[in-house]
Amino acid sequence: MVGRSWKTDTKELRPDIDKDLALDFLFGPLYARMIIRGAKFTKADLQRLVGALDAAIRSC
């Protein structure tokens, strides 16, 4: 479904979003960077990750 991924009044994910998939999109990059590569995330990195997650969810 193309469109908004968040309910605007509560800032929550829409009920039709696959929450397990959304968590996979979020934790995959975190795991890869922190556990596998031993690198840290900056605030800017996290903002880019959340932006990419939002774009991915919107495309579903």
PDB file of N, CA and C in Angstrom:
ATOM      1  N   MET A   1       0.846  -1.174   0.000  1.00  0.00           N
ATOM      2  CA  MET A   1       0.000   0.000   0.000  1.00  0.00           C
ATOM      3  C   MET A   1       0.887   1.232   0.000  1.00  0.00           C
ATOM      4  N   VAL A   2       0.685   2.098  -0.946  1.00  0.00           N
ATOM      5  CA  VAL A   2       1.448   3.335  -1.016  1.00  0.00           C
ATOM      6  C   VAL A   2       0.692   4.402  -0.241  1.00  0.00           C
ATOM      7  N   GLY A   3       1.419   5.182   0.524  1.00  0.00           N
ATOM      8  CA  GLY A   3       0.786   6.241   1.307  1.00  0.00           C
ATOM      9  C   GLY A   3       1.488   6.421   2.626  1.00  0.00           C
ATOM     10  N   ARG A   4       0.796   7.018   3.541  1.00  0.00           N
ATOM     11  CA  ARG A   4       1.381   7.290   4.840  1.00  0.00           C
ATOM     12  C   ARG A   4       1.545   6.003   5.637  1.00  0.00           C
ATOM     13  N   SER A   5       2.700   5.875   6.266  1.00  0.00           N
ATOM     14  CA  SER A   5       2.950   4.690   7.072  1.00  0.00           C
ATOM     15  C   SER A   5       2.583   4.920   8.532  1.00  0.00           C
ATOM     16  N   TRP A   6       2.375   6.164   8.901  1.00  0.00           N
ATOM     17  CA  TRP A   6       2.087   6.510  10.292  1.00  0.00           C
ATOM     18  C   TRP A   6       0.696   7.096  10.407  1.00  0.00           C
ATOM     19  N   LYS A   7       0.001   6.771  11.499  1.00  0.00           N
ATOM     20  CA  LYS A   7      -1.260   7.447  11.797  1.00  0.00           C
ATOM     21  C   LYS A   7      -0.881   8.815  12.342  1.00  0.00           C
ATOM     22  N   THR A   8      -1.330   9.876  11.704  1.00  0.00           N
ATOM     23  CA  THR A   8      -0.860  11.207  12.045  1.00  0.00           C
ATOM     24  C   THR A   8      -1.318  11.688  13.414  1.00  0.00           C
ATOM     25  N   ASP A   9      -2.461  11.230  13.891  1.00  0.00           N
ATOM     26  CA  ASP A   9      -2.946  11.740  15.169  1.00  0.00           C
ATOM     27  C   ASP A   9      -2.214  11.145  16.366  1.00  0.00           C
ATOM     28  N   THR A  10      -1.670   9.937  16.241  1.00  0.00           N
ATOM     29  CA  THR A  10      -1.015   9.277  17.371  1.00  0.00           C
ATOM     30  C   THR A  10       0.455   8.975  17.124  1.00  0.00           C
ATOM     31  N   LYS A  11       0.951   9.205  15.919  1.00  0.00           N
ATOM     32  CA  LYS A  11       2.340   8.892  15.547  1.00  0.00           C
ATOM     33  C   LYS A  11       2.645   7.398  15.674  1.00  0.00           C
ATOM     34  N   GLU A  12       1.650   6.562  15.489  1.00  0.00           N
ATOM     35  CA  GLU A  12       1.817   5.112  15.524  1.00  0.00           C
ATOM     36  C   GLU A  12       1.745   4.569  14.111  1.00  0.00           C
ATOM     37  N   LEU A  13       2.315   3.378  13.924  1.00  0.00           N
ATOM     38  CA  LEU A  13       2.201   2.715  12.627  1.00  0.00           C
ATOM     39  C   LEU A  13       0.745   2.389  12.334  1.00  0.00           C
ATOM     40  N   ARG A  14       0.395   2.450  11.060  1.00  0.00           N
ATOM     41  CA  ARG A  14      -0.952   2.029  10.672  1.00  0.00           C
ATOM     42  C   ARG A  14      -1.156   0.578  11.063  1.00  0.00           C
ATOM     43  N   PRO A  15      -2.380   0.182  11.374  1.00  0.00           N
ATOM     44  CA  PRO A  15      -2.619  -1.206  11.796  1.00  0.00           C
ATOM     45  C   PRO A  15      -2.359  -2.238  10.700  1.00  0.00           C
ATOM     46  N   ASP A  16      -2.390  -1.845   9.433  1.00  0.00           N
ATOM     47  CA  ASP A  16      -2.184  -2.809   8.351  1.00  0.00           C
ATOM     48  C   ASP A  16      -0.712  -3.035   8.010  1.00  0.00           C
ATOM     49  N   ILE A  17       0.197  -2.346   8.688  1.00  0.00           N
ATOM     50  CA  ILE A  17       1.628  -2.501   8.435  1.00  0.00           C
ATOM     51  C   ILE A  17       2.123  -3.786   9.104  1.00  0.00           C
ATOM     52  N   ASP A  18       2.956  -4.546   8.403  1.00  0.00           N
ATOM     53  CA  ASP A  18       3.575  -5.751   8.958  1.00  0.00           C
ATOM     54  C   ASP A  18       4.658  -5.315   9.949  1.00  0.00           C
ATOM     55  N   LYS A  19       4.330  -5.347  11.222  1.00  0.00           N
ATOM     56  CA  LYS A  19       5.235  -4.838  12.249  1.00  0.00           C
ATOM     57  C   LYS A  19       6.509  -5.677  12.374  1.00  0.00           C
ATOM     58  N   ASP A  20       6.412  -6.979  12.157  1.00  0.00           N
ATOM     59  CA  ASP A  20       7.610  -7.821  12.195  1.00  0.00           C
ATOM     60  C   ASP A  20       8.590  -7.426  11.097  1.00  0.00           C
ATOM     61  N   LEU A  21       8.078  -7.173   9.912  1.00  0.00           N
ATOM     62  CA  LEU A  21       8.934  -6.749   8.811  1.00  0.00           C
ATOM     63  C   LEU A  21       9.546  -5.383   9.101  1.00  0.00           C
ATOM     64  N   ALA A  22       8.755  -4.467   9.657  1.00  0.00           N
ATOM     65  CA  ALA A  22       9.271  -3.144  10.001  1.00  0.00           C
ATOM     66  C   ALA A  22      10.409  -3.259  11.017  1.00  0.00           C
ATOM     67  N   LEU A  23      10.252  -4.139  12.003  1.00  0.00           N
ATOM     68  CA  LEU A  23      11.318  -4.336  12.990  1.00  0.00           C
ATOM     69  C   LEU A  23      12.555  -4.955  12.350  1.00  0.00           C
ATOM     70  N   ASP A  24      12.367  -5.862  11.397  1.00  0.00           N
ATOM     71  CA  ASP A  24      13.506  -6.435  10.675  1.00  0.00           C
ATOM     72  C   ASP A  24      14.269  -5.352   9.929  1.00  0.00           C
ATOM     73  N   PHE A  25      13.546  -4.430   9.296  1.00  0.00           N
ATOM     74  CA  PHE A  25      14.184  -3.322   8.581  1.00  0.00           C
ATOM     75  C   PHE A  25      14.955  -2.418   9.534  1.00  0.00           C
ATOM     76  N   LEU A  26      14.469  -2.280  10.747  1.00  0.00           N
ATOM     77  CA  LEU A  26      15.133  -1.422  11.727  1.00  0.00           C
ATOM     78  C   LEU A  26      16.337  -2.106  12.356  1.00  0.00           C
ATOM     79  N   PHE A  27      16.155  -3.324  12.843  1.00  0.00           N
ATOM     80  CA  PHE A  27      17.202  -3.976  13.603  1.00  0.00           C
ATOM     81  C   PHE A  27      18.295  -4.601  12.741  1.00  0.00           C
ATOM     82  N   GLY A  28      18.005  -4.908  11.487  1.00  0.00           N
ATOM     83  CA  GLY A  28      19.031  -5.459  10.601  1.00  0.00           C
ATOM     84  C   GLY A  28      20.241  -4.540  10.479  1.00  0.00           C
ATOM     85  N   PRO A  29      20.043  -3.280  10.105  1.00  0.00           N
ATOM     86  CA  PRO A  29      21.186  -2.363  10.013  1.00  0.00           C
ATOM     87  C   PRO A  29      21.847  -2.097  11.366  1.00  0.00           C
ATOM     88  N   LEU A  30      21.053  -2.028  12.430  1.00  0.00           N
ATOM     89  CA  LEU A  30      21.636  -1.821  13.759  1.00  0.00           C
ATOM     90  C   LEU A  30      22.546  -2.987  14.131  1.00  0.00           C
ATOM     91  N   TYR A  31      22.057  -4.192  13.920  1.00  0.00           N
ATOM     92  CA  TYR A  31      22.830  -5.399  14.226  1.00  0.00           C
ATOM     93  C   TYR A  31      24.106  -5.436  13.390  1.00  0.00           C
ATOM     94  N   ALA A  32      23.959  -5.193  12.094  1.00  0.00           N
ATOM     95  CA  ALA A  32      25.114  -5.272  11.196  1.00  0.00           C
ATOM     96  C   ALA A  32      26.197  -4.275  11.599  1.00  0.00           C
ATOM     97  N   ARG A  33      25.803  -3.071  11.910  1.00  0.00           N
ATOM     98  CA  ARG A  33      26.805  -2.059  12.231  1.00  0.00           C
ATOM     99  C   ARG A  33      27.407  -2.259  13.620  1.00  0.00           C
ATOM    100  N   MET A  34      26.562  -2.505  14.604  1.00  0.00           N
ATOM    101  CA  MET A  34      27.050  -2.552  15.981  1.00  0.00           C
ATOM    102  C   MET A  34      27.698  -3.896  16.346  1.00  0.00           C
ATOM    103  N   ILE A  35      27.077  -4.989  15.952  1.00  0.00           N
ATOM    104  CA  ILE A  35      27.570  -6.301  16.363  1.00  0.00           C
ATOM    105  C   ILE A  35      28.627  -6.830  15.395  1.00  0.00           C
ATOM    106  N   ILE A  36      28.334  -6.804  14.122  1.00  0.00           N
ATOM    107  CA  ILE A  36      29.245  -7.393  13.139  1.00  0.00           C
ATOM    108  C   ILE A  36      30.455  -6.489  12.890  1.00  0.00           C
ATOM    109  N   ARG A  37      30.196  -5.194  12.673  1.00  0.00           N
ATOM    110  CA  ARG A  37      31.293  -4.279  12.338  1.00  0.00           C
ATOM    111  C   ARG A  37      31.901  -3.590  13.544  1.00  0.00           C
ATOM    112  N   GLY A  38      31.213  -3.593  14.677  1.00  0.00           N
ATOM    113  CA  GLY A  38      31.735  -2.941  15.870  1.00  0.00           C
ATOM    114  C   GLY A  38      31.720  -1.422  15.803  1.00  0.00           C
ATOM    115  N   ALA A  39      30.911  -0.867  14.928  1.00  0.00           N
ATOM    116  CA  ALA A  39      30.825   0.589  14.774  1.00  0.00           C
ATOM    117  C   ALA A  39      29.665   1.134  15.605  1.00  0.00           C
ATOM    118  N   LYS A  40      29.668   2.429  15.817  1.00  0.00           N
ATOM    119  CA  LYS A  40      28.616   3.084  16.581  1.00  0.00           C
ATOM    120  C   LYS A  40      27.717   3.880  15.642  1.00  0.00           C
ATOM    121  N   PHE A  41      26.514   4.153  16.119  1.00  0.00           N
ATOM    122  CA  PHE A  41      25.572   4.993  15.389  1.00  0.00           C
ATOM    123  C   PHE A  41      25.595   6.390  15.976  1.00  0.00           C
ATOM    124  N   THR A  42      25.609   7.381  15.108  1.00  0.00           N
ATOM    125  CA  THR A  42      25.440   8.762  15.545  1.00  0.00           C
ATOM    126  C   THR A  42      23.959   9.111  15.462  1.00  0.00           C
ATOM    127  N   LYS A  43      23.588  10.244  16.002  1.00  0.00           N
ATOM    128  CA  LYS A  43      22.199  10.697  15.912  1.00  0.00           C
ATOM    129  C   LYS A  43      21.804  10.865  14.442  1.00  0.00           C
ATOM    130  N   ALA A  44      22.710  11.389  13.630  1.00  0.00           N
ATOM    131  CA  ALA A  44      22.431  11.565  12.200  1.00  0.00           C
ATOM    132  C   ALA A  44      22.218  10.215  11.514  1.00  0.00           C
ATOM    133  N   ASP A  45      23.014   9.217  11.893  1.00  0.00           N
ATOM    134  CA  ASP A  45      22.844   7.870  11.333  1.00  0.00           C
ATOM    135  C   ASP A  45      21.456   7.325  11.662  1.00  0.00           C
ATOM    136  N   LEU A  46      21.044   7.487  12.908  1.00  0.00           N
ATOM    137  CA  LEU A  46      19.731   6.990  13.320  1.00  0.00           C
ATOM    138  C   LEU A  46      18.605   7.721  12.602  1.00  0.00           C
ATOM    139  N   GLN A  47      18.764   9.027  12.394  1.00  0.00           N
ATOM    140  CA  GLN A  47      17.745   9.784  11.665  1.00  0.00           C
ATOM    141  C   GLN A  47      17.641   9.304  10.227  1.00  0.00           C
ATOM    142  N   ARG A  48      18.782   9.019   9.592  1.00  0.00           N
ATOM    143  CA  ARG A  48      18.762   8.493   8.221  1.00  0.00           C
ATOM    144  C   ARG A  48      18.130   7.110   8.191  1.00  0.00           C
ATOM    145  N   LEU A  49      18.425   6.283   9.187  1.00  0.00           N
ATOM    146  CA  LEU A  49      17.853   4.941   9.248  1.00  0.00           C
ATOM    147  C   LEU A  49      16.334   5.002   9.408  1.00  0.00           C
ATOM    148  N   VAL A  50      15.852   5.863  10.278  1.00  0.00           N
ATOM    149  CA  VAL A  50      14.405   6.003  10.465  1.00  0.00           C
ATOM    150  C   VAL A  50      13.756   6.544   9.197  1.00  0.00           C
ATOM    151  N   GLY A  51      14.409   7.468   8.510  1.00  0.00           N
ATOM    152  CA  GLY A  51      13.884   7.977   7.246  1.00  0.00           C
ATOM    153  C   GLY A  51      13.796   6.886   6.190  1.00  0.00           C
ATOM    154  N   ALA A  52      14.826   6.051   6.128  1.00  0.00           N
ATOM    155  CA  ALA A  52      14.817   4.939   5.172  1.00  0.00           C
ATOM    156  C   ALA A  52      13.740   3.921   5.536  1.00  0.00           C
ATOM    157  N   LEU A  53      13.579   3.660   6.836  1.00  0.00           N
ATOM    158  CA  LEU A  53      12.532   2.744   7.295  1.00  0.00           C
ATOM    159  C   LEU A  53      11.160   3.279   6.921  1.00  0.00           C
ATOM    160  N   ASP A  54      10.931   4.555   7.127  1.00  0.00           N
ATOM    161  CA  ASP A  54       9.646   5.153   6.778  1.00  0.00           C
ATOM    162  C   ASP A  54       9.389   5.040   5.273  1.00  0.00           C
ATOM    163  N   ALA A  55      10.419   5.298   4.455  1.00  0.00           N
ATOM    164  CA  ALA A  55      10.264   5.179   3.008  1.00  0.00           C
ATOM    165  C   ALA A  55       9.961   3.741   2.604  1.00  0.00           C
ATOM    166  N   ALA A  56      10.633   2.782   3.252  1.00  0.00           N
ATOM    167  CA  ALA A  56      10.389   1.369   2.932  1.00  0.00           C
ATOM    168  C   ALA A  56       8.972   0.966   3.282  1.00  0.00           C
ATOM    169  N   ILE A  57       8.506   1.406   4.437  1.00  0.00           N
ATOM    170  CA  ILE A  57       7.145   1.069   4.848  1.00  0.00           C
ATOM    171  C   ILE A  57       6.121   1.703   3.921  1.00  0.00           C
ATOM    172  N   ARG A  58       6.382   2.931   3.508  1.00  0.00           N
ATOM    173  CA  ARG A  58       5.448   3.607   2.595  1.00  0.00           C
ATOM    174  C   ARG A  58       5.313   2.864   1.273  1.00  0.00           C
ATOM    175  N   SER A  59       6.378   2.184   0.856  1.00  0.00           N
ATOM    176  CA  SER A  59       6.346   1.501  -0.440  1.00  0.00           C
ATOM    177  C   SER A  59       5.614   0.167  -0.383  1.00  0.00           C
ATOM    178  N   CYS A  60       5.275  -0.298   0.808  1.00  0.00           N
ATOM    179  CA  CYS A  60       4.593  -1.598   0.962  1.00  0.00           C
ATOM    180  C   CYS A  60       3.115  -1.469   0.698  1.00  0.00           C
TER     181      CYS A  60
END
